[in-house]
């Protein structure tokens, strides 16, 4: 594998992880807000 491709692959991982974490956090925040409005516990 060429150094440029390896570097690009290595640098894309944090971006991918950040996107996935943002999606999960957004869904959790939405569920928490709905639970708080309806008065039900999250767990």
C-alpha atoms as a PDB file:
ATOM      1  CA  UNK A   1       0.000   0.000   0.000  1.00  0.00           C
ATOM      2  CA  UNK A   2       1.405   3.395  -0.910  1.00  0.00           C
ATOM      3  CA  UNK A   3       2.168   5.880   1.861  1.00  0.00           C
ATOM      4  CA  UNK A   4      -0.390   8.378   0.546  1.00  0.00           C
ATOM      5  CA  UNK A   5      -3.213   5.836   0.626  1.00  0.00           C
ATOM      6  CA  UNK A   6      -2.167   4.631   4.053  1.00  0.00           C
ATOM      7  CA  UNK A   7      -2.093   8.200   5.356  1.00  0.00           C
ATOM      8  CA  UNK A   8      -5.529   8.960   3.879  1.00  0.00           C
ATOM      9  CA  UNK A   9      -6.937   5.771   5.388  1.00  0.00           C
ATOM     10  CA  UNK A  10      -5.436   6.632   8.780  1.00  0.00           C
ATOM     11  CA  UNK A  11      -6.819  10.190   8.700  1.00  0.00           C
ATOM     12  CA  UNK A  12     -10.331   9.177   7.613  1.00  0.00           C
ATOM     13  CA  UNK A  13     -10.884   6.921  10.658  1.00  0.00           C
ATOM     14  CA  UNK A  14     -11.349   9.764  13.176  1.00  0.00           C
ATOM     15  CA  UNK A  15     -13.783  11.496  10.830  1.00  0.00           C
ATOM     16  CA  UNK A  16     -15.831   8.323  10.427  1.00  0.00           C
ATOM     17  CA  UNK A  17     -15.883   7.701  14.159  1.00  0.00           C
ATOM     18  CA  UNK A  18     -16.911  11.316  14.829  1.00  0.00           C
ATOM     19  CA  UNK A  19     -19.804  11.037  12.360  1.00  0.00           C
ATOM     20  CA  UNK A  20     -21.063   7.792  13.905  1.00  0.00           C
ATOM     21  CA  UNK A  21     -20.769   9.227  17.435  1.00  0.00           C
ATOM     22  CA  UNK A  22     -22.671  12.354  16.354  1.00  0.00           C
ATOM     23  CA  UNK A  23     -25.484  10.231  14.898  1.00  0.00           C
ATOM     24  CA  UNK A  24     -25.720   8.174  18.094  1.00  0.00           C
ATOM     25  CA  UNK A  25     -25.624  11.279  20.319  1.00  0.00           C
ATOM     26  CA  UNK A  26     -28.299  12.994  18.234  1.00  0.00           C
ATOM     27  CA  UNK A  27     -30.608   9.996  18.518  1.00  0.00           C
ATOM     28  CA  UNK A  28     -30.012   9.719  22.259  1.00  0.00           C
ATOM     29  CA  UNK A  29     -30.695  13.435  22.758  1.00  0.00           C
ATOM     30  CA  UNK A  30     -33.920  13.145  20.769  1.00  0.00           C
ATOM     31  CA  UNK A  31     -35.063  10.143  22.821  1.00  0.00           C
ATOM     32  CA  UNK A  32     -34.124  11.861  26.090  1.00  0.00           C
ATOM     33  CA  UNK A  33     -36.092  14.961  25.101  1.00  0.00           C
ATOM     34  CA  UNK A  34     -39.174  12.901  24.192  1.00  0.00           C
ATOM     35  CA  UNK A  35     -38.919  10.939  27.449  1.00  0.00           C
ATOM     36  CA  UNK A  36     -38.620  14.125  29.485  1.00  0.00           C
ATOM     37  CA  UNK A  37     -41.651  15.656  27.730  1.00  0.00           C
ATOM     38  CA  UNK A  38     -43.782  12.558  28.303  1.00  0.00           C
ATOM     39  CA  UNK A  39     -42.498  12.005  31.852  1.00  0.00           C
ATOM     40  CA  UNK A  40     -41.202   8.479  31.248  1.00  0.00           C
ATOM     41  CA  UNK A  41     -37.705   7.309  32.241  1.00  0.00           C
ATOM     42  CA  UNK A  42     -35.134   6.767  29.498  1.00  0.00           C
ATOM     43  CA  UNK A  43     -34.022   3.387  30.795  1.00  0.00           C
END
